[in-house]
């Protein structure tokens, strides 16, 4: 009996890794890559067809396509840092986030809202990292406003990151109480044979 338990313990992690890899590949292929392609295609379309700061009204007084370039992070954070430091810092931060997200996805054993959220955040981080690597700044173009009151201009990658973070918050707030207890106790579980 003890040998069967030992075999189950050694097989379970391998099976879990296999399931995690399949889920990771499915999430990257079905969520991350399509969102990344949409992000890059939309940025290319705006940059190739519009002049910098040109604006096209889609819904008057509510939504415009306005071509801008953002050398900083979200909401123009770090824009006042020296260019070399800002570029190095934001590039490193994005690259580290992508590695962390890939590791988290690789350890995902089931398809759930959190895994989908991580795939969205990965797409957004990769999309903005590609812009930074190529041009040192990010193309933004979605301008939501109410008359002259403007929300900071953003892009598809920013939407993916925001939606991903919101979904993680929602899934953690509305997870059943038993799931929260089980996940909190999971690291403490140890198998000790009783004699």
N, C-alpha and C. Protein backbone atom coordinates (compact mmCIF):
# COMPACT_ATOMS: atom_id res chain seq x y z
N UNK A 1 0.82 -1.19 0.00
CA UNK A 1 0.00 0.00 0.00
C UNK A 1 0.87 1.26 0.00
N UNK A 2 1.93 1.24 0.82
CA UNK A 2 2.81 2.41 0.85
C UNK A 2 3.46 2.64 -0.51
N UNK A 3 3.79 1.56 -1.24
CA UNK A 3 4.40 1.71 -2.55
C UNK A 3 3.41 2.34 -3.53
N UNK A 4 2.14 1.97 -3.47
CA UNK A 4 1.12 2.57 -4.33
C UNK A 4 0.98 4.05 -4.04
N UNK A 5 1.00 4.43 -2.75
CA UNK A 5 0.92 5.85 -2.39
C UNK A 5 2.14 6.61 -2.90
N UNK A 6 3.32 6.01 -2.79
CA UNK A 6 4.54 6.67 -3.27
C UNK A 6 4.49 6.86 -4.78
N UNK A 7 3.99 5.84 -5.51
CA UNK A 7 3.87 5.98 -6.95
C UNK A 7 2.87 7.06 -7.31
N UNK A 8 1.76 7.14 -6.57
CA UNK A 8 0.76 8.18 -6.83
C UNK A 8 1.34 9.56 -6.61
N UNK A 9 2.19 9.68 -5.59
CA UNK A 9 2.81 10.97 -5.29
C UNK A 9 3.76 11.36 -6.41
N UNK A 10 4.53 10.42 -6.96
CA UNK A 10 5.48 10.78 -8.00
C UNK A 10 4.80 10.97 -9.35
N UNK A 11 3.68 10.30 -9.61
CA UNK A 11 2.98 10.43 -10.88
C UNK A 11 2.18 11.73 -10.93
N UNK A 12 1.59 12.10 -9.80
CA UNK A 12 0.72 13.27 -9.77
C UNK A 12 1.43 14.55 -10.24
N UNK A 13 2.65 14.86 -9.74
CA UNK A 13 3.30 16.08 -10.24
C UNK A 13 3.57 16.03 -11.74
N UNK A 14 3.96 14.89 -12.27
CA UNK A 14 4.21 14.79 -13.71
C UNK A 14 2.92 15.00 -14.50
N UNK A 15 1.84 14.41 -14.03
CA UNK A 15 0.55 14.60 -14.70
C UNK A 15 0.12 16.05 -14.61
N UNK A 16 0.38 16.65 -13.47
CA UNK A 16 0.01 18.05 -13.28
C UNK A 16 0.81 18.95 -14.21
N UNK A 17 2.12 18.66 -14.36
CA UNK A 17 2.95 19.45 -15.28
C UNK A 17 2.45 19.31 -16.70
N UNK A 18 2.06 18.09 -17.08
CA UNK A 18 1.55 17.87 -18.44
C UNK A 18 0.27 18.64 -18.68
N UNK A 19 -0.64 18.61 -17.68
CA UNK A 19 -1.89 19.36 -17.80
C UNK A 19 -1.61 20.85 -17.83
N UNK A 20 -0.65 21.29 -16.99
CA UNK A 20 -0.29 22.70 -16.96
C UNK A 20 0.28 23.17 -18.28
N UNK A 21 1.09 22.33 -18.90
CA UNK A 21 1.66 22.70 -20.19
C UNK A 21 0.59 22.79 -21.27
N UNK A 22 -0.33 21.84 -21.27
CA UNK A 22 -1.43 21.89 -22.26
C UNK A 22 -2.29 23.13 -22.05
N UNK A 23 -2.60 23.44 -20.81
CA UNK A 23 -3.42 24.62 -20.52
C UNK A 23 -2.66 25.89 -20.91
N UNK A 24 -1.38 25.93 -20.59
CA UNK A 24 -0.57 27.11 -20.93
C UNK A 24 -0.54 27.33 -22.44
N UNK A 25 -0.28 26.26 -23.18
CA UNK A 25 -0.25 26.39 -24.65
C UNK A 25 -1.60 26.80 -25.21
N UNK A 26 -2.67 26.25 -24.64
CA UNK A 26 -4.02 26.62 -25.10
C UNK A 26 -4.30 28.09 -24.81
N UNK A 27 -3.95 28.56 -23.61
CA UNK A 27 -4.19 29.96 -23.25
C UNK A 27 -3.36 30.91 -24.11
N UNK A 28 -2.11 30.56 -24.32
CA UNK A 28 -1.25 31.41 -25.16
C UNK A 28 -1.76 31.43 -26.59
N UNK A 29 -2.16 30.27 -27.10
CA UNK A 29 -2.63 30.20 -28.48
C UNK A 29 -4.01 30.81 -28.71
N UNK A 30 -4.89 30.68 -27.74
CA UNK A 30 -6.27 31.15 -27.93
C UNK A 30 -6.54 32.54 -27.37
N UNK A 31 -5.71 33.00 -26.44
CA UNK A 31 -5.95 34.32 -25.84
C UNK A 31 -4.77 35.26 -26.07
N UNK A 32 -3.60 34.87 -25.60
CA UNK A 32 -2.44 35.77 -25.65
C UNK A 32 -2.08 36.17 -27.08
N UNK A 33 -1.88 35.21 -27.96
CA UNK A 33 -1.47 35.54 -29.33
C UNK A 33 -2.52 36.36 -30.10
N UNK A 34 -3.82 35.99 -30.07
CA UNK A 34 -4.80 36.83 -30.78
C UNK A 34 -4.86 38.27 -30.24
N UNK A 35 -4.79 38.43 -28.92
CA UNK A 35 -4.82 39.79 -28.35
C UNK A 35 -3.55 40.54 -28.74
N UNK A 36 -2.41 39.86 -28.70
CA UNK A 36 -1.15 40.48 -29.09
C UNK A 36 -1.17 40.90 -30.57
N UNK A 37 -1.69 40.04 -31.42
CA UNK A 37 -1.80 40.38 -32.85
C UNK A 37 -2.74 41.56 -33.06
N UNK A 38 -3.89 41.56 -32.37
CA UNK A 38 -4.82 42.69 -32.46
C UNK A 38 -4.17 43.98 -31.99
N UNK A 39 -3.43 43.91 -30.91
CA UNK A 39 -2.74 45.09 -30.37
C UNK A 39 -1.74 45.64 -31.39
N UNK A 40 -0.87 44.77 -31.90
CA UNK A 40 0.16 45.22 -32.83
C UNK A 40 -0.44 45.70 -34.16
N UNK A 41 -1.46 45.01 -34.64
CA UNK A 41 -2.11 45.42 -35.89
C UNK A 41 -2.80 46.77 -35.74
N UNK A 42 -3.48 46.98 -34.62
CA UNK A 42 -4.18 48.26 -34.42
C UNK A 42 -3.17 49.40 -34.28
N UNK A 43 -2.08 49.17 -33.59
CA UNK A 43 -1.05 50.21 -33.45
C UNK A 43 -0.43 50.53 -34.81
N UNK A 44 -0.15 49.49 -35.59
CA UNK A 44 0.43 49.70 -36.92
C UNK A 44 -0.54 50.48 -37.82
N UNK A 45 -1.82 50.11 -37.77
CA UNK A 45 -2.82 50.78 -38.59
C UNK A 45 -2.91 52.26 -38.23
N UNK A 46 -2.96 52.57 -36.94
CA UNK A 46 -3.05 53.97 -36.51
C UNK A 46 -1.78 54.73 -36.90
N UNK A 47 -0.62 54.16 -36.63
CA UNK A 47 0.64 54.85 -36.91
C UNK A 47 0.88 55.05 -38.40
N UNK A 48 0.40 54.14 -39.22
CA UNK A 48 0.65 54.26 -40.66
C UNK A 48 -0.39 55.10 -41.39
N UNK A 49 -1.54 55.33 -40.79
CA UNK A 49 -2.61 56.05 -41.48
C UNK A 49 -2.95 57.41 -40.87
N UNK A 50 -2.36 57.71 -39.72
CA UNK A 50 -2.68 58.98 -39.06
C UNK A 50 -1.41 59.75 -38.76
N UNK A 51 -1.54 61.07 -38.71
CA UNK A 51 -0.43 61.91 -38.29
C UNK A 51 -0.42 61.94 -36.76
N UNK A 52 0.75 62.11 -36.18
CA UNK A 52 0.87 62.19 -34.73
C UNK A 52 -0.06 63.28 -34.20
N UNK A 53 -0.83 62.96 -33.19
CA UNK A 53 -1.82 63.82 -32.52
C UNK A 53 -3.08 64.07 -33.35
N UNK A 54 -3.19 63.45 -34.51
CA UNK A 54 -4.42 63.54 -35.29
C UNK A 54 -5.52 62.79 -34.54
N UNK A 55 -6.74 63.29 -34.63
CA UNK A 55 -7.85 62.69 -33.91
C UNK A 55 -9.03 62.47 -34.85
N UNK A 56 -9.65 61.29 -34.73
CA UNK A 56 -10.84 60.96 -35.50
C UNK A 56 -11.95 60.64 -34.51
N UNK A 57 -13.04 61.38 -34.60
CA UNK A 57 -14.15 61.16 -33.67
C UNK A 57 -14.97 59.95 -34.10
N UNK A 58 -15.14 59.00 -33.18
CA UNK A 58 -15.99 57.83 -33.44
C UNK A 58 -17.38 58.05 -32.86
N UNK A 59 -17.42 58.50 -31.61
CA UNK A 59 -18.68 58.87 -30.95
C UNK A 59 -18.45 60.28 -30.41
N UNK A 60 -19.05 61.30 -31.06
CA UNK A 60 -18.76 62.68 -30.67
C UNK A 60 -18.93 62.91 -29.16
N UNK A 61 -17.94 63.57 -28.59
CA UNK A 61 -17.89 63.94 -27.17
C UNK A 61 -17.69 62.73 -26.25
N UNK A 62 -17.41 61.54 -26.79
CA UNK A 62 -17.24 60.34 -25.96
C UNK A 62 -16.01 59.53 -26.33
N UNK A 63 -15.81 59.26 -27.62
CA UNK A 63 -14.75 58.33 -28.02
C UNK A 63 -14.10 58.80 -29.32
N UNK A 64 -12.77 58.94 -29.27
CA UNK A 64 -11.99 59.31 -30.44
C UNK A 64 -10.84 58.33 -30.62
N UNK A 65 -10.32 58.26 -31.83
CA UNK A 65 -9.05 57.62 -32.09
C UNK A 65 -8.05 58.76 -32.22
N UNK A 66 -7.13 58.87 -31.30
CA UNK A 66 -6.14 59.94 -31.28
C UNK A 66 -4.76 59.32 -31.20
N UNK A 67 -3.96 59.54 -32.21
CA UNK A 67 -2.63 58.93 -32.28
C UNK A 67 -1.65 59.69 -31.41
N UNK A 68 -1.11 59.01 -30.39
CA UNK A 68 -0.09 59.60 -29.52
C UNK A 68 1.01 58.56 -29.29
N UNK A 69 2.14 59.03 -28.81
CA UNK A 69 3.27 58.16 -28.43
C UNK A 69 3.55 58.43 -26.96
N UNK A 70 3.68 57.36 -26.18
CA UNK A 70 3.89 57.49 -24.74
C UNK A 70 5.25 56.88 -24.37
N UNK A 71 6.22 57.73 -23.99
CA UNK A 71 7.52 57.19 -23.59
C UNK A 71 7.52 56.63 -22.17
N UNK A 72 6.48 56.96 -21.40
CA UNK A 72 6.40 56.49 -20.01
C UNK A 72 5.59 55.21 -19.89
N UNK A 73 5.17 54.94 -18.67
CA UNK A 73 4.33 53.76 -18.41
C UNK A 73 2.88 54.20 -18.44
N UNK A 74 2.01 53.40 -17.88
CA UNK A 74 0.58 53.73 -17.85
C UNK A 74 0.38 55.12 -17.26
N UNK A 75 -0.52 55.86 -17.87
CA UNK A 75 -0.85 57.23 -17.45
C UNK A 75 0.37 58.15 -17.46
N UNK A 76 1.34 57.84 -18.33
CA UNK A 76 2.57 58.63 -18.51
C UNK A 76 3.46 58.66 -17.27
N UNK A 77 3.39 57.60 -16.46
CA UNK A 77 4.30 57.52 -15.32
C UNK A 77 5.74 57.43 -15.81
N UNK A 78 6.66 57.97 -15.06
CA UNK A 78 8.10 57.93 -15.32
C UNK A 78 8.49 58.73 -16.57
N UNK A 79 7.62 59.54 -17.12
CA UNK A 79 7.93 60.28 -18.33
C UNK A 79 9.03 61.32 -18.08
N UNK A 80 9.20 61.75 -16.83
CA UNK A 80 10.20 62.77 -16.52
C UNK A 80 11.57 62.19 -16.18
N UNK A 81 11.70 60.87 -16.13
CA UNK A 81 13.01 60.25 -15.91
C UNK A 81 13.88 60.44 -17.15
N UNK A 82 15.20 60.39 -16.99
CA UNK A 82 16.05 60.43 -18.19
C UNK A 82 15.67 59.28 -19.13
N UNK A 83 15.73 59.52 -20.41
CA UNK A 83 15.25 58.55 -21.40
C UNK A 83 15.93 57.19 -21.26
N UNK A 84 17.24 57.16 -21.05
CA UNK A 84 17.95 55.87 -20.95
C UNK A 84 17.50 55.09 -19.73
N UNK A 85 17.29 55.78 -18.60
CA UNK A 85 16.86 55.12 -17.36
C UNK A 85 15.42 54.64 -17.49
N UNK A 86 14.58 55.47 -18.05
CA UNK A 86 13.16 55.11 -18.24
C UNK A 86 13.05 53.89 -19.14
N UNK A 87 13.76 53.91 -20.25
CA UNK A 87 13.71 52.79 -21.20
C UNK A 87 14.22 51.51 -20.54
N UNK A 88 15.36 51.58 -19.87
CA UNK A 88 15.93 50.40 -19.22
C UNK A 88 14.99 49.88 -18.14
N UNK A 89 14.46 50.76 -17.31
CA UNK A 89 13.59 50.36 -16.21
C UNK A 89 12.30 49.72 -16.73
N UNK A 90 11.63 50.38 -17.68
CA UNK A 90 10.36 49.86 -18.17
C UNK A 90 10.54 48.59 -18.99
N UNK A 91 11.62 48.50 -19.75
CA UNK A 91 11.90 47.29 -20.51
C UNK A 91 12.17 46.13 -19.56
N UNK A 92 12.99 46.36 -18.55
CA UNK A 92 13.31 45.31 -17.57
C UNK A 92 12.08 44.88 -16.79
N UNK A 93 11.27 45.84 -16.39
CA UNK A 93 10.05 45.54 -15.65
C UNK A 93 9.09 44.70 -16.50
N UNK A 94 8.93 45.08 -17.75
CA UNK A 94 8.05 44.32 -18.65
C UNK A 94 8.57 42.91 -18.89
N UNK A 95 9.86 42.79 -19.12
CA UNK A 95 10.46 41.47 -19.36
C UNK A 95 10.31 40.58 -18.14
N UNK A 96 10.55 41.13 -16.95
CA UNK A 96 10.39 40.35 -15.72
C UNK A 96 8.93 39.93 -15.52
N UNK A 97 8.01 40.82 -15.83
CA UNK A 97 6.59 40.49 -15.71
C UNK A 97 6.20 39.37 -16.66
N UNK A 98 6.73 39.40 -17.87
CA UNK A 98 6.43 38.34 -18.85
C UNK A 98 6.95 37.00 -18.37
N UNK A 99 8.17 36.97 -17.85
CA UNK A 99 8.74 35.72 -17.32
C UNK A 99 7.88 35.22 -16.16
N UNK A 100 7.52 36.10 -15.23
CA UNK A 100 6.70 35.70 -14.08
C UNK A 100 5.34 35.18 -14.54
N UNK A 101 4.73 35.82 -15.51
CA UNK A 101 3.42 35.38 -16.01
C UNK A 101 3.52 34.02 -16.69
N UNK A 102 4.59 33.80 -17.45
CA UNK A 102 4.78 32.50 -18.10
C UNK A 102 4.97 31.40 -17.05
N UNK A 103 5.71 31.70 -15.99
CA UNK A 103 5.89 30.71 -14.91
C UNK A 103 4.56 30.42 -14.23
N UNK A 104 3.81 31.46 -13.92
CA UNK A 104 2.49 31.25 -13.29
C UNK A 104 1.57 30.43 -14.19
N UNK A 105 1.58 30.73 -15.47
CA UNK A 105 0.76 29.96 -16.41
C UNK A 105 1.22 28.51 -16.50
N UNK A 106 2.53 28.30 -16.45
CA UNK A 106 3.06 26.93 -16.54
C UNK A 106 2.63 26.09 -15.35
N UNK A 107 2.42 26.71 -14.22
CA UNK A 107 1.99 25.97 -13.02
C UNK A 107 0.47 25.92 -12.87
N UNK A 108 -0.25 26.41 -13.85
CA UNK A 108 -1.70 26.36 -13.82
C UNK A 108 -2.15 24.95 -14.17
N UNK A 109 -2.88 24.33 -13.25
CA UNK A 109 -3.31 22.94 -13.45
C UNK A 109 -4.73 22.85 -13.98
N UNK A 110 -5.44 23.95 -13.99
CA UNK A 110 -6.81 23.92 -14.50
C UNK A 110 -7.14 25.24 -15.18
N UNK A 111 -8.06 25.16 -16.11
CA UNK A 111 -8.51 26.35 -16.81
C UNK A 111 -9.54 27.06 -15.93
N UNK A 112 -9.20 28.25 -15.50
CA UNK A 112 -10.12 29.02 -14.66
C UNK A 112 -9.96 30.51 -14.99
N UNK A 113 -10.72 31.33 -14.31
CA UNK A 113 -10.73 32.75 -14.59
C UNK A 113 -9.35 33.39 -14.34
N UNK A 114 -8.66 32.93 -13.33
CA UNK A 114 -7.33 33.47 -13.04
C UNK A 114 -6.36 33.15 -14.16
N UNK A 115 -6.40 31.94 -14.69
CA UNK A 115 -5.52 31.56 -15.80
C UNK A 115 -5.80 32.41 -17.04
N UNK A 116 -7.07 32.62 -17.33
CA UNK A 116 -7.45 33.47 -18.47
C UNK A 116 -6.95 34.90 -18.24
N UNK A 117 -7.07 35.37 -17.01
CA UNK A 117 -6.60 36.71 -16.66
C UNK A 117 -5.10 36.85 -16.88
N UNK A 118 -4.34 35.84 -16.45
CA UNK A 118 -2.89 35.88 -16.65
C UNK A 118 -2.53 35.91 -18.13
N UNK A 119 -3.28 35.18 -18.95
CA UNK A 119 -3.03 35.18 -20.40
C UNK A 119 -3.29 36.56 -20.99
N UNK A 120 -4.33 37.24 -20.52
CA UNK A 120 -4.61 38.61 -20.99
C UNK A 120 -3.51 39.57 -20.57
N UNK A 121 -3.08 39.49 -19.33
CA UNK A 121 -2.02 40.38 -18.84
C UNK A 121 -0.73 40.12 -19.61
N UNK A 122 -0.45 38.85 -19.88
CA UNK A 122 0.73 38.49 -20.68
C UNK A 122 0.67 39.14 -22.06
N UNK A 123 -0.48 39.10 -22.70
CA UNK A 123 -0.63 39.72 -24.03
C UNK A 123 -0.37 41.22 -23.96
N UNK A 124 -0.91 41.87 -22.95
CA UNK A 124 -0.71 43.31 -22.82
C UNK A 124 0.73 43.68 -22.54
N UNK A 125 1.36 42.94 -21.64
CA UNK A 125 2.77 43.22 -21.31
C UNK A 125 3.65 42.99 -22.54
N UNK A 126 3.39 41.92 -23.27
CA UNK A 126 4.19 41.63 -24.47
C UNK A 126 3.96 42.68 -25.55
N UNK A 127 2.73 43.12 -25.73
CA UNK A 127 2.43 44.13 -26.74
C UNK A 127 3.15 45.44 -26.48
N UNK A 128 3.13 45.90 -25.24
CA UNK A 128 3.83 47.14 -24.92
C UNK A 128 5.34 46.96 -24.92
N UNK A 129 5.83 45.76 -24.55
CA UNK A 129 7.27 45.50 -24.60
C UNK A 129 7.77 45.54 -26.05
N UNK A 130 7.01 45.00 -26.97
CA UNK A 130 7.40 45.04 -28.39
C UNK A 130 7.54 46.49 -28.85
N UNK A 131 6.60 47.34 -28.46
CA UNK A 131 6.69 48.77 -28.82
C UNK A 131 7.94 49.40 -28.24
N UNK A 132 8.22 49.12 -26.97
CA UNK A 132 9.39 49.72 -26.33
C UNK A 132 10.68 49.23 -26.99
N UNK A 133 10.72 47.95 -27.33
CA UNK A 133 11.93 47.41 -27.97
C UNK A 133 12.12 48.00 -29.35
N UNK A 134 11.03 48.23 -30.07
CA UNK A 134 11.11 48.73 -31.44
C UNK A 134 11.32 50.24 -31.50
N UNK A 135 10.59 50.99 -30.67
CA UNK A 135 10.61 52.45 -30.82
C UNK A 135 10.98 53.21 -29.55
N UNK A 136 11.13 52.52 -28.42
CA UNK A 136 11.44 53.21 -27.18
C UNK A 136 10.25 53.87 -26.53
N UNK A 137 9.08 53.72 -27.13
CA UNK A 137 7.85 54.28 -26.59
C UNK A 137 6.67 53.46 -27.11
N UNK A 138 5.50 53.71 -26.52
CA UNK A 138 4.31 52.92 -26.83
C UNK A 138 3.32 53.77 -27.61
N UNK A 139 2.69 53.17 -28.62
CA UNK A 139 1.64 53.84 -29.38
C UNK A 139 0.32 53.72 -28.62
N UNK A 140 -0.30 54.86 -28.34
CA UNK A 140 -1.62 54.90 -27.70
C UNK A 140 -2.58 55.60 -28.65
N UNK A 141 -3.86 55.21 -28.61
CA UNK A 141 -4.79 55.81 -29.56
C UNK A 141 -6.25 55.80 -29.12
N UNK A 142 -6.63 55.10 -28.09
CA UNK A 142 -8.03 55.06 -27.66
C UNK A 142 -8.25 56.21 -26.68
N UNK A 143 -9.06 57.16 -27.10
CA UNK A 143 -9.28 58.39 -26.34
C UNK A 143 -10.74 58.44 -25.87
N UNK A 144 -10.95 58.08 -24.61
CA UNK A 144 -12.29 58.11 -24.02
C UNK A 144 -12.41 59.43 -23.27
N UNK A 145 -13.49 60.14 -23.53
CA UNK A 145 -13.64 61.46 -22.89
C UNK A 145 -15.11 61.86 -22.82
N UNK A 146 -15.36 62.83 -22.01
CA UNK A 146 -16.67 63.47 -21.97
C UNK A 146 -16.43 64.94 -22.25
N UNK A 147 -16.73 65.34 -23.47
CA UNK A 147 -16.44 66.68 -23.97
C UNK A 147 -14.95 66.96 -23.79
N UNK A 148 -14.57 67.88 -22.92
CA UNK A 148 -13.15 68.22 -22.77
C UNK A 148 -12.48 67.49 -21.61
N UNK A 149 -13.20 66.62 -20.93
CA UNK A 149 -12.64 65.85 -19.81
C UNK A 149 -12.15 64.50 -20.33
N UNK A 150 -10.83 64.36 -20.46
CA UNK A 150 -10.24 63.19 -21.10
C UNK A 150 -9.64 62.22 -20.09
N UNK A 151 -9.91 60.94 -20.29
CA UNK A 151 -9.21 59.87 -19.59
C UNK A 151 -7.88 59.70 -20.32
N UNK A 152 -6.80 59.28 -19.65
CA UNK A 152 -5.54 59.10 -20.38
C UNK A 152 -5.71 58.16 -21.59
N UNK A 153 -5.10 58.53 -22.69
CA UNK A 153 -5.22 57.74 -23.93
C UNK A 153 -4.49 56.41 -23.73
N UNK A 154 -5.08 55.32 -24.25
CA UNK A 154 -4.53 53.99 -24.04
C UNK A 154 -4.61 53.17 -25.31
N UNK A 155 -4.26 51.88 -25.23
CA UNK A 155 -4.26 51.01 -26.41
C UNK A 155 -4.84 49.64 -26.05
N UNK A 156 -4.83 48.72 -26.99
CA UNK A 156 -5.40 47.38 -26.78
C UNK A 156 -4.62 46.63 -25.70
N UNK A 157 -3.30 46.76 -25.67
CA UNK A 157 -2.49 46.10 -24.65
C UNK A 157 -2.88 46.57 -23.26
N UNK A 158 -3.09 47.87 -23.11
CA UNK A 158 -3.53 48.41 -21.81
C UNK A 158 -4.89 47.85 -21.42
N UNK A 159 -5.78 47.71 -22.40
CA UNK A 159 -7.10 47.12 -22.13
C UNK A 159 -6.95 45.69 -21.63
N UNK A 160 -6.08 44.91 -22.26
CA UNK A 160 -5.89 43.51 -21.87
C UNK A 160 -5.35 43.43 -20.44
N UNK A 161 -4.40 44.28 -20.11
CA UNK A 161 -3.85 44.29 -18.75
C UNK A 161 -4.92 44.67 -17.74
N UNK A 162 -5.68 45.72 -18.03
CA UNK A 162 -6.73 46.18 -17.12
C UNK A 162 -7.81 45.14 -16.93
N UNK A 163 -8.27 44.54 -18.01
CA UNK A 163 -9.30 43.50 -17.92
C UNK A 163 -8.76 42.29 -17.16
N UNK A 164 -7.52 41.90 -17.42
CA UNK A 164 -6.91 40.78 -16.71
C UNK A 164 -6.84 41.01 -15.21
N UNK A 165 -6.39 42.19 -14.81
CA UNK A 165 -6.30 42.52 -13.38
C UNK A 165 -7.70 42.56 -12.76
N UNK A 166 -8.66 43.15 -13.46
CA UNK A 166 -10.04 43.20 -12.95
C UNK A 166 -10.61 41.79 -12.77
N UNK A 167 -10.35 40.91 -13.72
CA UNK A 167 -10.86 39.53 -13.61
C UNK A 167 -10.22 38.78 -12.44
N UNK A 168 -8.93 39.03 -12.19
CA UNK A 168 -8.28 38.41 -11.03
C UNK A 168 -8.93 38.90 -9.75
N UNK A 169 -9.18 40.20 -9.66
CA UNK A 169 -9.84 40.74 -8.47
C UNK A 169 -11.24 40.15 -8.29
N UNK A 170 -11.98 40.07 -9.38
CA UNK A 170 -13.34 39.51 -9.31
C UNK A 170 -13.29 38.05 -8.90
N UNK A 171 -12.38 37.28 -9.49
CA UNK A 171 -12.32 35.86 -9.14
C UNK A 171 -11.89 35.65 -7.70
N UNK A 172 -11.04 36.52 -7.18
CA UNK A 172 -10.63 36.36 -5.78
C UNK A 172 -11.72 36.81 -4.82
N UNK A 173 -12.50 37.80 -5.22
CA UNK A 173 -13.58 38.26 -4.35
C UNK A 173 -14.76 37.29 -4.31
N UNK A 174 -15.03 36.65 -5.44
CA UNK A 174 -16.22 35.81 -5.52
C UNK A 174 -15.91 34.31 -5.51
N UNK A 175 -14.67 33.96 -5.17
CA UNK A 175 -14.34 32.53 -5.05
C UNK A 175 -15.09 31.96 -3.86
N UNK A 176 -15.60 30.76 -3.99
CA UNK A 176 -16.29 30.16 -2.85
C UNK A 176 -15.39 30.10 -1.63
N UNK A 177 -15.96 30.26 -0.47
CA UNK A 177 -15.22 30.26 0.79
C UNK A 177 -14.39 28.99 0.94
N UNK A 178 -14.91 27.84 0.52
CA UNK A 178 -14.17 26.58 0.66
C UNK A 178 -12.92 26.60 -0.20
N UNK A 179 -12.99 27.20 -1.39
CA UNK A 179 -11.80 27.27 -2.24
C UNK A 179 -10.72 28.13 -1.60
N UNK A 180 -11.12 29.21 -0.95
CA UNK A 180 -10.14 30.08 -0.29
C UNK A 180 -9.46 29.34 0.86
N UNK A 181 -10.24 28.59 1.66
CA UNK A 181 -9.65 27.85 2.77
C UNK A 181 -8.71 26.77 2.25
N UNK A 182 -9.12 26.08 1.20
CA UNK A 182 -8.29 25.01 0.65
C UNK A 182 -6.99 25.55 0.09
N UNK A 183 -7.05 26.68 -0.61
CA UNK A 183 -5.82 27.23 -1.19
C UNK A 183 -4.92 27.79 -0.10
N UNK A 184 -5.49 28.27 0.99
CA UNK A 184 -4.68 28.79 2.09
C UNK A 184 -4.02 27.64 2.86
N UNK A 185 -4.68 26.48 2.90
CA UNK A 185 -4.14 25.35 3.63
C UNK A 185 -3.26 24.46 2.76
N UNK A 186 -3.32 24.58 1.48
CA UNK A 186 -2.61 23.68 0.57
C UNK A 186 -1.12 23.57 0.87
N UNK A 187 -0.39 24.68 1.11
CA UNK A 187 1.04 24.54 1.37
C UNK A 187 1.33 23.79 2.68
N UNK A 188 0.39 23.80 3.61
CA UNK A 188 0.62 23.18 4.90
C UNK A 188 0.38 21.69 4.89
N UNK A 189 -0.30 21.15 3.87
CA UNK A 189 -0.62 19.74 3.83
C UNK A 189 0.65 18.92 3.67
N UNK A 190 0.80 17.96 4.55
CA UNK A 190 1.89 17.02 4.43
C UNK A 190 1.36 15.64 4.72
N UNK A 191 1.86 14.68 4.00
CA UNK A 191 1.42 13.31 4.21
C UNK A 191 2.35 12.63 5.18
N UNK A 192 1.81 12.19 6.29
CA UNK A 192 2.63 11.46 7.26
C UNK A 192 1.96 10.12 7.53
N UNK A 193 2.69 9.04 7.31
CA UNK A 193 2.09 7.73 7.53
C UNK A 193 1.82 7.50 9.02
N UNK A 194 0.66 6.98 9.29
CA UNK A 194 0.29 6.69 10.66
C UNK A 194 0.64 5.25 10.98
N UNK A 195 1.16 5.04 12.15
CA UNK A 195 1.55 3.69 12.56
C UNK A 195 0.73 3.22 13.72
